[in-house]
N, C-alpha and C. Protein backbone atom coordinates (compact mmCIF):
# COMPACT_ATOMS: atom_id res chain seq x y z
N MET A 1 42.03 48.66 40.94
CA MET A 1 40.80 49.66 41.23
C MET A 1 41.34 50.89 40.31
N TYR A 2 40.64 51.40 39.39
CA TYR A 2 41.05 52.51 38.44
C TYR A 2 40.40 53.60 39.16
N SER A 3 40.88 54.75 38.67
CA SER A 3 40.28 56.23 39.02
C SER A 3 39.15 56.45 38.22
N LYS A 4 38.40 57.41 38.73
CA LYS A 4 37.29 57.90 37.87
C LYS A 4 37.39 58.77 36.86
N SER A 5 38.82 59.22 36.83
CA SER A 5 39.34 59.85 35.63
C SER A 5 39.48 59.01 34.53
N ILE A 6 40.07 57.72 34.73
CA ILE A 6 40.24 56.67 33.68
C ILE A 6 39.18 56.33 33.33
N LYS A 7 38.20 55.85 34.18
CA LYS A 7 36.86 55.43 33.72
C LYS A 7 36.24 56.58 32.70
N GLY A 8 36.09 57.78 33.18
CA GLY A 8 35.59 59.07 32.61
C GLY A 8 36.13 59.21 30.98
N GLU A 9 37.66 58.83 31.12
CA GLU A 9 38.51 59.00 29.54
C GLU A 9 38.07 57.95 28.75
N ALA A 10 37.76 56.61 29.29
CA ALA A 10 37.16 55.56 28.64
C ALA A 10 35.70 55.88 27.82
N ILE A 11 34.73 56.33 28.65
CA ILE A 11 33.40 56.84 28.29
C ILE A 11 33.66 57.80 27.03
N LYS A 12 34.52 58.75 27.46
CA LYS A 12 34.66 59.93 26.41
C LYS A 12 35.03 59.33 25.01
N LEU A 13 36.01 58.38 25.25
CA LEU A 13 36.69 57.56 23.91
C LEU A 13 35.79 57.00 23.12
N ARG A 14 34.89 56.11 24.28
CA ARG A 14 33.68 55.37 23.30
C ARG A 14 33.03 56.15 22.85
N LYS A 15 32.54 57.27 23.47
CA LYS A 15 31.24 58.21 22.92
C LYS A 15 31.79 58.84 21.57
N GLU A 16 33.23 58.92 21.53
CA GLU A 16 33.94 59.42 20.07
C GLU A 16 34.09 58.25 19.13
N GLY A 17 33.44 57.34 19.32
CA GLY A 17 33.50 56.17 18.28
C GLY A 17 34.73 55.27 18.59
N ASN A 18 35.31 55.09 19.42
CA ASN A 18 36.39 54.29 19.44
C ASN A 18 36.17 52.61 19.90
N SER A 19 36.96 51.78 19.69
CA SER A 19 36.54 50.42 19.72
C SER A 19 37.19 50.22 21.03
N TYR A 20 37.06 49.08 21.59
CA TYR A 20 37.61 48.66 22.65
C TYR A 20 39.07 48.49 22.42
N SER A 21 39.60 47.75 21.56
CA SER A 21 41.09 47.97 21.13
C SER A 21 41.79 49.18 21.29
N ILE A 22 41.05 50.20 20.53
CA ILE A 22 41.80 51.50 20.55
C ILE A 22 41.87 52.08 21.80
N ILE A 23 40.66 51.95 22.43
CA ILE A 23 40.66 52.54 24.05
C ILE A 23 41.55 51.79 24.74
N SER A 24 41.74 50.41 25.09
CA SER A 24 42.58 49.60 25.61
C SER A 24 44.12 50.24 25.36
N SER A 25 44.37 50.25 24.16
CA SER A 25 45.70 50.66 23.87
C SER A 25 46.07 51.96 24.30
N LYS A 26 44.89 53.04 24.55
CA LYS A 26 45.19 54.21 24.56
C LYS A 26 45.54 54.80 26.28
N ILE A 27 44.52 53.83 27.05
CA ILE A 27 44.57 54.11 28.62
C ILE A 27 44.80 52.67 29.40
N SER A 28 45.33 51.70 28.59
CA SER A 28 46.02 50.54 29.28
C SER A 28 44.99 49.70 30.33
N VAL A 29 43.85 49.76 29.69
CA VAL A 29 42.70 48.89 30.63
C VAL A 29 42.25 47.79 29.73
N ALA A 30 42.27 46.68 30.50
CA ALA A 30 41.84 45.66 29.69
C ALA A 30 40.50 45.72 29.08
N LYS A 31 40.24 44.91 27.76
CA LYS A 31 39.11 45.20 27.02
C LYS A 31 37.80 44.58 27.80
N SER A 32 38.18 43.51 29.04
CA SER A 32 37.14 43.04 29.54
C SER A 32 36.53 43.90 30.63
N THR A 33 37.38 44.85 31.18
CA THR A 33 36.98 45.97 31.98
C THR A 33 36.07 46.98 31.35
N LEU A 34 36.93 47.15 30.33
CA LEU A 34 36.06 48.39 29.42
C LEU A 34 34.87 47.75 28.87
N SER A 35 34.42 46.54 28.68
CA SER A 35 33.19 46.04 28.62
C SER A 35 32.09 46.25 29.63
N ASP A 36 32.75 45.79 30.65
CA ASP A 36 31.88 46.20 31.80
C ASP A 36 31.47 47.71 32.14
N TRP A 37 32.64 48.55 32.02
CA TRP A 37 32.25 50.07 31.99
C TRP A 37 31.58 50.59 31.08
N LEU A 38 31.53 49.91 29.79
CA LEU A 38 31.03 50.75 28.69
C LEU A 38 29.76 50.14 28.11
N LYS A 39 29.32 48.88 28.89
CA LYS A 39 27.97 48.24 28.28
C LYS A 39 26.79 49.15 28.06
N ASP A 40 26.60 50.12 28.74
CA ASP A 40 25.53 50.89 28.44
C ASP A 40 25.72 52.12 27.60
N VAL A 41 26.99 52.30 26.93
CA VAL A 41 27.34 53.47 26.01
C VAL A 41 27.16 53.50 24.65
N PRO A 42 26.18 53.65 24.15
CA PRO A 42 26.18 53.45 22.78
C PRO A 42 27.35 53.63 21.87
N PHE A 43 27.51 52.53 20.85
CA PHE A 43 28.73 52.82 20.01
C PHE A 43 28.45 52.91 18.66
N LEU A 44 28.86 53.93 18.20
CA LEU A 44 28.47 54.76 16.73
C LEU A 44 30.20 54.75 16.20
N PRO A 45 30.53 53.74 15.47
CA PRO A 45 32.36 53.59 14.86
C PRO A 45 32.36 55.12 14.39
N ASN A 46 33.54 55.74 14.46
CA ASN A 46 34.14 56.56 13.84
C ASN A 46 35.12 56.23 12.67
N LYS A 47 35.48 57.33 11.87
CA LYS A 47 35.99 57.04 10.61
C LYS A 47 37.02 56.03 10.62
N LEU A 48 37.82 56.22 11.71
CA LEU A 48 39.11 55.37 11.95
C LEU A 48 39.07 54.03 12.22
N VAL A 49 37.64 53.38 12.91
CA VAL A 49 37.12 52.28 13.44
C VAL A 49 36.68 51.64 12.06
N LEU A 50 35.81 52.11 11.55
CA LEU A 50 35.40 51.86 10.05
C LEU A 50 36.47 51.38 9.04
N HIS A 51 37.48 52.37 8.85
CA HIS A 51 38.63 52.17 8.08
C HIS A 51 39.32 50.95 8.16
N ASN A 52 39.33 50.72 9.56
CA ASN A 52 40.24 49.27 10.04
C ASN A 52 39.60 48.08 9.73
N ARG A 53 38.16 48.29 9.71
CA ARG A 53 37.72 47.17 9.53
C ARG A 53 37.34 46.48 8.01
N SER A 54 37.90 47.23 6.88
CA SER A 54 37.80 46.99 5.52
C SER A 54 38.95 46.27 5.09
């Protein structure tokens, strides 16, 4: 079980445009957990994410 502050940080990072991989590495939460938590948070990739795709 994770604290509300960890979930809140995940939501904040996602709203900033970070991918599940980036968020997972920053807060040590599995991508599958992030997927569940963040399914309703819109994803607009930030420059770092867009740069890593090319």
